[in-house]
N, C-alpha and C. Protein backbone atom coordinates (compact mmCIF):
# COMPACT_ATOMS: atom_id res chain seq x y z
N MET A 1 122.34 98.31 48.16
CA MET A 1 121.96 98.48 46.65
C MET A 1 122.76 100.11 46.12
N THR A 2 122.95 100.76 46.97
CA THR A 2 123.12 102.33 46.96
C THR A 2 124.79 101.88 46.40
N HIS A 3 125.37 101.25 47.53
CA HIS A 3 126.57 101.01 47.40
C HIS A 3 127.03 100.36 45.81
N ILE A 4 126.04 99.67 45.25
CA ILE A 4 126.77 98.68 43.79
C ILE A 4 126.16 100.19 42.89
N ALA A 5 125.14 100.56 43.08
CA ALA A 5 125.08 101.93 41.91
C ALA A 5 125.86 103.18 42.14
N ASN A 6 126.35 103.11 42.94
CA ASN A 6 127.45 104.13 42.89
C ASN A 6 128.61 103.55 42.66
N ARG A 7 128.99 102.62 42.78
CA ARG A 7 130.07 102.07 42.13
C ARG A 7 130.07 101.76 40.72
N LEU A 8 128.84 101.55 40.35
CA LEU A 8 128.84 101.33 38.62
C LEU A 8 128.65 102.97 38.02
N ILE A 9 127.86 103.75 38.78
CA ILE A 9 128.70 105.31 38.61
C ILE A 9 129.92 105.66 38.31
N LYS A 10 130.23 105.60 39.04
CA LYS A 10 131.93 105.81 39.81
C LYS A 10 132.56 105.08 38.42
N ASP A 11 132.40 103.93 38.42
CA ASP A 11 133.73 103.47 36.98
C ASP A 11 132.82 103.44 35.59
N GLY A 12 131.90 104.57 35.72
CA GLY A 12 131.59 104.99 34.25
C GLY A 12 130.66 103.83 33.67
N TYR A 13 130.17 102.82 34.22
CA TYR A 13 129.08 101.81 33.53
C TYR A 13 127.83 102.17 33.36
N ALA A 14 127.25 102.81 34.44
CA ALA A 14 125.98 103.60 34.55
C ALA A 14 125.83 105.17 34.89
N GLU A 15 124.58 105.50 34.73
CA GLU A 15 124.32 107.05 35.24
C GLU A 15 122.84 107.06 35.80
N ARG A 16 122.80 107.91 36.65
CA ARG A 16 121.27 108.22 37.03
C ARG A 16 120.53 109.03 36.04
N LYS A 17 118.91 108.14 36.24
CA LYS A 17 118.09 109.29 35.10
C LYS A 17 117.07 109.35 36.14
N ALA A 18 116.41 110.54 36.26
CA ALA A 18 115.13 111.28 37.12
C ALA A 18 114.09 110.66 35.85
N ASP A 19 112.94 110.39 36.78
CA ASP A 19 111.78 110.15 36.21
C ASP A 19 111.07 111.77 35.83
N GLU A 20 110.69 111.63 34.75
CA GLU A 20 110.12 113.28 34.27
C GLU A 20 109.02 113.42 35.09
N LYS A 21 108.42 112.19 35.11
CA LYS A 21 107.00 112.44 35.95
C LYS A 21 106.90 112.53 37.31
N ASP A 22 108.15 111.85 37.82
CA ASP A 22 108.09 111.76 39.62
C ASP A 22 109.42 112.03 39.76
N ARG A 23 110.02 112.86 40.27
CA ARG A 23 111.33 113.10 40.58
C ARG A 23 111.62 112.68 41.70
N ARG A 24 110.71 111.79 42.73
CA ARG A 24 111.48 111.17 43.76
C ARG A 24 112.15 109.72 43.13
N VAL A 25 111.53 109.27 42.03
CA VAL A 25 112.33 108.25 41.49
C VAL A 25 113.41 108.10 40.36
N ILE A 26 114.48 107.33 40.67
CA ILE A 26 115.76 107.59 39.85
C ILE A 26 115.90 106.55 39.37
N TYR A 27 116.16 105.85 38.43
CA TYR A 27 116.82 105.02 36.98
C TYR A 27 118.08 104.92 37.06
N LEU A 28 118.57 103.81 37.17
CA LEU A 28 120.01 103.75 36.80
C LEU A 28 119.87 103.26 35.24
N GLN A 29 120.69 104.03 34.25
CA GLN A 29 120.78 103.43 33.00
C GLN A 29 122.15 103.27 32.45
N MET A 30 122.49 102.10 31.81
CA MET A 30 123.82 101.55 31.44
C MET A 30 124.42 102.61 30.28
N THR A 31 125.87 103.23 30.55
CA THR A 31 126.07 103.84 29.67
C THR A 31 126.76 102.90 28.46
N GLU A 32 127.68 103.84 27.65
CA GLU A 32 127.79 102.72 26.33
C GLU A 32 128.85 101.88 26.90
N THR A 33 129.93 102.28 27.72
CA THR A 33 130.89 101.48 28.35
C THR A 33 130.35 100.23 28.87
N GLY A 34 129.06 100.72 29.83
CA GLY A 34 128.42 99.25 30.72
C GLY A 34 128.00 98.57 29.46
N GLU A 35 127.11 99.03 28.52
CA GLU A 35 127.01 97.98 27.33
C GLU A 35 127.87 97.22 26.78
N GLN A 36 129.12 97.88 26.20
CA GLN A 36 130.24 96.85 25.90
C GLN A 36 130.85 96.16 26.88
N VAL A 37 131.16 96.17 27.88
CA VAL A 37 131.34 95.32 28.96
C VAL A 37 130.73 94.21 29.29
N LEU A 38 129.32 94.56 29.12
CA LEU A 38 128.18 93.77 29.59
C LEU A 38 128.34 92.69 28.27
N ALA A 39 128.32 93.00 27.09
CA ALA A 39 128.42 91.89 25.70
C ALA A 39 129.52 91.24 25.74
N GLU A 40 131.06 92.06 26.16
CA GLU A 40 132.02 91.01 26.39
C GLU A 40 131.82 89.88 27.50
N ALA A 41 131.19 90.49 28.38
CA ALA A 41 131.34 89.23 29.70
C ALA A 41 130.02 88.11 28.99
N ARG A 42 129.09 88.65 28.35
CA ARG A 42 128.25 87.47 27.94
C ARG A 42 129.13 86.63 26.83
N GLU A 43 129.89 86.85 25.62
CA GLU A 43 130.53 86.28 24.93
C GLU A 43 131.53 85.75 25.72
N LYS A 44 132.02 85.93 26.88
CA LYS A 44 133.56 85.20 27.14
C LYS A 44 132.41 84.11 27.84
N GLY A 45 131.55 84.45 28.84
CA GLY A 45 130.42 83.09 29.44
C GLY A 45 130.25 82.28 28.57
N GLU A 46 129.72 82.88 27.22
CA GLU A 46 129.36 81.51 26.25
C GLU A 46 130.21 80.71 25.74
N GLN A 47 131.48 81.65 25.80
CA GLN A 47 132.87 80.99 25.23
C GLN A 47 132.95 79.53 26.42
N LEU A 48 133.22 80.26 27.62
CA LEU A 48 133.39 79.05 28.32
C LEU A 48 132.24 77.89 28.60
N ARG A 49 131.28 78.27 28.71
CA ARG A 49 130.07 77.33 28.55
C ARG A 49 130.65 75.99 27.62
N LEU A 50 130.57 76.87 26.27
CA LEU A 50 130.94 75.65 24.89
C LEU A 50 131.91 74.82 25.42
N ASP A 51 133.65 75.68 25.65
CA ASP A 51 134.53 74.56 26.30
C ASP A 51 134.19 73.91 27.30
N LEU A 52 133.56 74.30 28.43
CA LEU A 52 133.22 73.28 29.27
C LEU A 52 132.03 72.00 28.81
N PHE A 53 131.22 72.34 27.95
CA PHE A 53 130.35 71.08 27.42
C PHE A 53 130.89 70.33 26.27
N GLN A 54 131.99 70.75 25.78
CA GLN A 54 133.09 69.90 24.86
C GLN A 54 133.60 69.02 25.67
N ALA A 55 133.68 68.78 26.95
CA ALA A 55 134.15 67.51 27.47
C ALA A 55 132.96 66.54 27.87
N LEU A 56 131.77 66.88 27.49
CA LEU A 56 130.95 65.87 27.41
C LEU A 56 130.58 65.18 26.07
N ASP A 57 130.10 63.78 25.98
CA ASP A 57 129.52 63.11 24.91
C ASP A 57 127.88 63.56 24.61
N GLU A 58 127.56 63.03 23.65
CA GLU A 58 125.98 63.43 23.67
C GLU A 58 125.26 62.64 24.70
N THR A 59 125.30 61.49 25.30
CA THR A 59 124.74 60.68 26.26
C THR A 59 124.60 61.56 27.59
N GLU A 60 126.17 62.12 28.08
CA GLU A 60 126.37 62.83 28.86
C GLU A 60 125.73 64.19 28.80
N ILE A 61 125.50 64.62 27.96
CA ILE A 61 124.84 66.19 27.47
C ILE A 61 123.15 65.56 27.77
N ARG A 62 122.77 64.76 27.27
CA ARG A 62 121.17 64.65 27.33
C ARG A 62 121.21 64.28 28.91
N LYS A 63 121.81 63.32 29.61
CA LYS A 63 121.52 63.12 31.36
C LYS A 63 121.65 64.73 32.25
N PHE A 64 122.53 65.21 31.63
CA PHE A 64 122.88 66.44 32.24
C PHE A 64 121.46 67.70 31.97
N LEU A 65 120.80 67.34 30.99
CA LEU A 65 119.91 68.28 30.39
C LEU A 65 118.59 67.89 31.43
N SER A 66 118.51 66.35 31.26
CA SER A 66 117.39 65.75 31.72
C SER A 66 117.45 66.47 33.42
N ILE A 67 118.63 66.12 34.36
CA ILE A 67 119.05 66.45 35.64
C ILE A 67 118.37 67.87 35.89
N TYR A 68 119.16 68.99 34.99
CA TYR A 68 119.20 70.22 35.17
C TYR A 68 117.55 70.50 35.34
N LYS A 69 116.40 69.90 34.14
CA LYS A 69 115.38 70.41 33.87
C LYS A 69 114.76 69.62 35.13
N LYS A 70 114.87 68.86 35.71
CA LYS A 70 114.35 68.23 36.97
C LYS A 70 114.67 69.45 37.89
N LEU A 71 115.66 70.07 38.63
CA LEU A 71 116.18 71.00 39.17
C LEU A 71 115.44 71.86 39.19
N LEU A 72 115.20 72.78 37.97
CA LEU A 72 114.56 73.72 37.28
C LEU A 72 112.73 73.02 37.93
N GLU A 73 112.36 72.27 37.71
CA GLU A 73 110.77 71.94 37.86
C GLU A 73 110.72 71.96 39.30
N GLN A 74 111.69 71.21 40.33
CA GLN A 74 111.77 71.47 41.70
C GLN A 74 111.72 72.88 42.06
N SER A 75 112.50 73.88 41.64
CA SER A 75 112.41 75.05 42.34
C SER A 75 111.18 75.71 41.72
N GLU A 76 110.43 75.49 40.83
CA GLU A 76 109.59 76.44 40.58
C GLU A 76 108.36 75.99 41.42
N SER A 77 108.46 74.98 42.05
CA SER A 77 107.51 74.36 43.12
C SER A 77 108.04 74.49 44.91
N LEU A 78 109.23 75.69 45.08
CA LEU A 78 109.31 76.12 46.41
C LEU A 78 108.87 77.20 46.63
């Protein structure tokens, strides 16, 4: 985790923030650049999903959602 945090800080996506009440606690806070990159990634992911699902007709989408729901319910019981 430290390696990932260091990389995010080095690349300017996050910065360390000390807890004012407990100096032993260090938080990672996203920078404005990090927020922008995250927003762009979310938009691209959403567009990718829309593009992928356009290949399915309504019946296929309903079947997919049914299978996905079943898998989610199964994963909750694990």
